[in-house]
Amino acid sequence: MNEISRGTKCLGAYSRSHRCLGGFPNGFLSWIKKQGWWRENRCYLCAGAVQDEQAIRVDVRQEMNPTFLEDARATSIPDESVDWVMIDPPYTRELAKSLYGTEDHYGGINSFTKEAARICRPGGLILTLSYEIPKRIPGCDFIAVWGIYQVPAVSYMRCLTVSARAVKEGK
């Protein structure tokens, strides 16, 4: 395993125009791009209100207008069809219930990583944002583990992990 990028990153609170509780902190995706953890063919599992017109968005809530209205733990997305997957589920069963009414679809972060590995191409990246540090994803190596917090504080510190899916032999 290569050296893992690690640290903490402070970002701003949600903008007033943010239409979904629990979304990314202000500047989060811009920072991801600056770190080089961005790819062209993207998929968001538990997409919520993320604004990324070129990406596949999976969510169980019709009002979020996802590309795929389905459980992000078992999608109809073809195997190895994207090269970047962001997993940003509700961080606890209670938050899934109180914020979104999706507690029946709640699973800890590890319940989503198997699906992410299935749909991610070899050489692609899988990012997680959660209160939990996920287990190492089979066939992947951690390349980054960061604590993400906001000022003013609007949530607990979250863990961002970035895992690189191994390139298959002979390819």
Foldseek 3Di string as FASTA:
>chain_A
DDDAAEEADEAAADDPPDDAPQDDGPCPVVVCVVVVQDDQAEEEACQQQDDDVSYAYEHCDVVSVGNHNDQLLDGPQAFQAGQEYEYRHQQDLVCCCPRPNNSVSDDHPQSNLQSVNRHHHQQGKYKYKYQDDYDARPQKDWRYWYWYAYVVGPDDTIIIIMIHHHHDPPD
